[in-house]
Amino acid sequence: MRWPVMILAVLVVVLQYPLWLGKGGWLRVWDVDRQLQAQRDENYRLEQRNASLEEEVRDLKSGNDAIEERARYELGLTREGEIFVQIPQKATNRPEPVQ
């Protein structure tokens, strides 16, 4: 009675090995599924970025408002007759002077 049980146990282990550790086993399926989800997340992030860039390009092509806004904030340009006032922000990473 002992030999048939041992043979069946070995047979179960032999049959389970490809299921769990083989080329198309569950561990590989789980790993590929995890990679697929990571790629989907990355694709979604890139789609959002592309939509934002497309909107910015559309704004730049459609009128002067977007160009003027960029000139004001990125280059510090002003219109004729305007006065530009810049308030410096206190740097948080500079050490305070010793007193």
C-alpha atoms as a PDB file:
ATOM      1  CA  MET A   1       0.000   0.000   0.000  1.00  0.00           C
ATOM      2  CA  ARG A   2       2.918   2.315   0.621  1.00  0.00           C
ATOM      3  CA  TRP A   3       4.384   2.097  -2.915  1.00  0.00           C
ATOM      4  CA  PRO A   4       1.265   3.277  -4.772  1.00  0.00           C
ATOM      5  CA  VAL A   5       1.010   6.311  -2.491  1.00  0.00           C
ATOM      6  CA  MET A   6       4.680   7.182  -3.091  1.00  0.00           C
ATOM      7  CA  ILE A   7       4.296   6.719  -6.849  1.00  0.00           C
ATOM      8  CA  LEU A   8       1.203   8.944  -6.887  1.00  0.00           C
ATOM      9  CA  ALA A   9       2.968  11.619  -4.816  1.00  0.00           C
ATOM     10  CA  VAL A  10       5.952  11.639  -7.188  1.00  0.00           C
ATOM     11  CA  LEU A  11       3.593  11.740 -10.168  1.00  0.00           C
ATOM     12  CA  VAL A  12       1.747  14.737  -8.702  1.00  0.00           C
ATOM     13  CA  VAL A  13       5.049  16.575  -8.138  1.00  0.00           C
ATOM     14  CA  VAL A  14       6.217  15.775 -11.671  1.00  0.00           C
ATOM     15  CA  LEU A  15       2.929  17.026 -13.117  1.00  0.00           C
ATOM     16  CA  GLN A  16       2.911  20.179 -10.973  1.00  0.00           C
ATOM     17  CA  TYR A  17       6.457  21.249 -11.874  1.00  0.00           C
ATOM     18  CA  PRO A  18       5.632  22.547 -15.392  1.00  0.00           C
ATOM     19  CA  LEU A  19       2.489  24.220 -14.085  1.00  0.00           C
ATOM     20  CA  TRP A  20       4.387  26.334 -11.555  1.00  0.00           C
ATOM     21  CA  LEU A  21       7.961  26.591 -12.814  1.00  0.00           C
ATOM     22  CA  GLY A  22       7.812  25.662 -16.507  1.00  0.00           C
ATOM     23  CA  LYS A  23       8.089  27.918 -19.543  1.00  0.00           C
ATOM     24  CA  GLY A  24       4.397  28.819 -19.521  1.00  0.00           C
ATOM     25  CA  GLY A  25       3.864  28.269 -15.804  1.00  0.00           C
ATOM     26  CA  TRP A  26       1.879  30.362 -13.386  1.00  0.00           C
ATOM     27  CA  LEU A  27       4.910  32.239 -12.096  1.00  0.00           C
ATOM     28  CA  ARG A  28       5.753  33.338 -15.644  1.00  0.00           C
ATOM     29  CA  VAL A  29       2.120  34.305 -16.288  1.00  0.00           C
ATOM     30  CA  TRP A  30       2.030  36.417 -13.120  1.00  0.00           C
ATOM     31  CA  ASP A  31       5.317  38.097 -14.054  1.00  0.00           C
ATOM     32  CA  VAL A  32       4.111  38.903 -17.572  1.00  0.00           C
ATOM     33  CA  ASP A  33       0.820  40.209 -16.158  1.00  0.00           C
ATOM     34  CA  ARG A  34       2.732  42.513 -13.798  1.00  0.00           C
ATOM     35  CA  GLN A  35       4.876  43.780 -16.687  1.00  0.00           C
ATOM     36  CA  LEU A  36       1.753  44.327 -18.783  1.00  0.00           C
ATOM     37  CA  GLN A  37       0.134  46.411 -16.047  1.00  0.00           C
ATOM     38  CA  ALA A  38       3.304  48.491 -15.642  1.00  0.00           C
ATOM     39  CA  GLN A  39       3.377  49.112 -19.398  1.00  0.00           C
ATOM     40  CA  ARG A  40      -0.308  50.114 -19.382  1.00  0.00           C
ATOM     41  CA  ASP A  41       0.380  52.601 -16.583  1.00  0.00           C
ATOM     42  CA  GLU A  42       3.329  54.047 -18.513  1.00  0.00           C
ATOM     43  CA  ASN A  43       1.227  54.278 -21.693  1.00  0.00           C
ATOM     44  CA  TYR A  44      -1.518  56.125 -19.815  1.00  0.00           C
ATOM     45  CA  ARG A  45       1.007  58.588 -18.382  1.00  0.00           C
ATOM     46  CA  LEU A  46       2.484  59.204 -21.830  1.00  0.00           C
ATOM     47  CA  GLU A  47      -0.974  59.637 -23.388  1.00  0.00           C
ATOM     48  CA  GLN A  48      -1.764  62.300 -20.794  1.00  0.00           C
ATOM     49  CA  ARG A  49       1.530  64.056 -21.540  1.00  0.00           C
ATOM     50  CA  ASN A  50       0.877  63.904 -25.292  1.00  0.00           C
ATOM     51  CA  ALA A  51      -2.588  65.388 -24.820  1.00  0.00           C
ATOM     52  CA  SER A  52      -1.108  68.224 -22.785  1.00  0.00           C
ATOM     53  CA  LEU A  53       1.553  68.901 -25.415  1.00  0.00           C
ATOM     54  CA  GLU A  54      -1.027  68.783 -28.224  1.00  0.00           C
ATOM     55  CA  GLU A  55      -3.135  71.325 -26.366  1.00  0.00           C
ATOM     56  CA  GLU A  56      -0.121  73.590 -25.904  1.00  0.00           C
ATOM     57  CA  VAL A  57       0.753  73.342 -29.615  1.00  0.00           C
ATOM     58  CA  ARG A  58      -2.860  74.135 -30.532  1.00  0.00           C
ATOM     59  CA  ASP A  59      -2.761  77.202 -28.255  1.00  0.00           C
ATOM     60  CA  LEU A  60       0.506  78.395 -29.766  1.00  0.00           C
ATOM     61  CA  LYS A  61      -0.839  77.988 -33.307  1.00  0.00           C
ATOM     62  CA  SER A  62      -4.234  79.566 -32.669  1.00  0.00           C
ATOM     63  CA  GLY A  63      -3.319  82.972 -31.326  1.00  0.00           C
ATOM     64  CA  ASN A  64      -0.927  85.330 -29.665  1.00  0.00           C
ATOM     65  CA  ASP A  65      -2.205  84.877 -26.114  1.00  0.00           C
ATOM     66  CA  ALA A  66      -0.181  81.729 -25.450  1.00  0.00           C
ATOM     67  CA  ILE A  67       2.928  83.242 -27.020  1.00  0.00           C
ATOM     68  CA  GLU A  68       2.520  86.402 -24.949  1.00  0.00           C
ATOM     69  CA  GLU A  69       2.052  84.363 -21.773  1.00  0.00           C
ATOM     70  CA  ARG A  70       5.242  82.416 -22.428  1.00  0.00           C
ATOM     71  CA  ALA A  71       7.153  85.607 -23.217  1.00  0.00           C
ATOM     72  CA  ARG A  72       5.995  87.153 -19.955  1.00  0.00           C
ATOM     73  CA  TYR A  73       6.624  84.225 -17.606  1.00  0.00           C
ATOM     74  CA  GLU A  74       9.620  82.515 -19.163  1.00  0.00           C
ATOM     75  CA  LEU A  75      11.497  85.473 -20.641  1.00  0.00           C
ATOM     76  CA  GLY A  76      10.311  88.292 -18.375  1.00  0.00           C
ATOM     77  CA  LEU A  77       9.181  90.460 -21.302  1.00  0.00           C
ATOM     78  CA  THR A  78       6.658  93.280 -20.902  1.00  0.00           C
ATOM     79  CA  ARG A  79       4.462  95.365 -23.150  1.00  0.00           C
ATOM     80  CA  GLU A  80       5.329  98.921 -24.003  1.00  0.00           C
ATOM     81  CA  GLY A  81       4.469 101.191 -21.079  1.00  0.00           C
ATOM     82  CA  GLU A  82       4.323  98.375 -18.497  1.00  0.00           C
ATOM     83  CA  ILE A  83       6.566  98.235 -15.464  1.00  0.00           C
ATOM     84  CA  PHE A  84       7.995  94.856 -14.474  1.00  0.00           C
ATOM     85  CA  VAL A  85       8.303  94.246 -10.742  1.00  0.00           C
ATOM     86  CA  GLN A  86       9.987  91.080  -9.521  1.00  0.00           C
ATOM     87  CA  ILE A  87       9.745  90.006  -5.901  1.00  0.00           C
ATOM     88  CA  PRO A  88      12.536  87.578  -5.035  1.00  0.00           C
ATOM     89  CA  GLN A  89      11.548  84.489  -3.116  1.00  0.00           C
ATOM     90  CA  LYS A  90      13.483  83.566  -0.017  1.00  0.00           C
ATOM     91  CA  ALA A  91      15.703  80.579  -0.737  1.00  0.00           C
ATOM     92  CA  THR A  92      15.140  77.766   1.731  1.00  0.00           C
ATOM     93  CA  ASN A  93      18.348  75.878   1.038  1.00  0.00           C
ATOM     94  CA  ARG A  94      20.742  78.752   1.815  1.00  0.00           C
ATOM     95  CA  PRO A  95      22.200  78.834   5.308  1.00  0.00           C
ATOM     96  CA  GLU A  96      21.276  81.826   7.450  1.00  0.00           C
ATOM     97  CA  PRO A  97      24.138  84.209   8.331  1.00  0.00           C
ATOM     98  CA  VAL A  98      25.747  83.684  11.724  1.00  0.00           C
ATOM     99  CA  GLN A  99      25.188  86.544  14.174  1.00  0.00           C
END
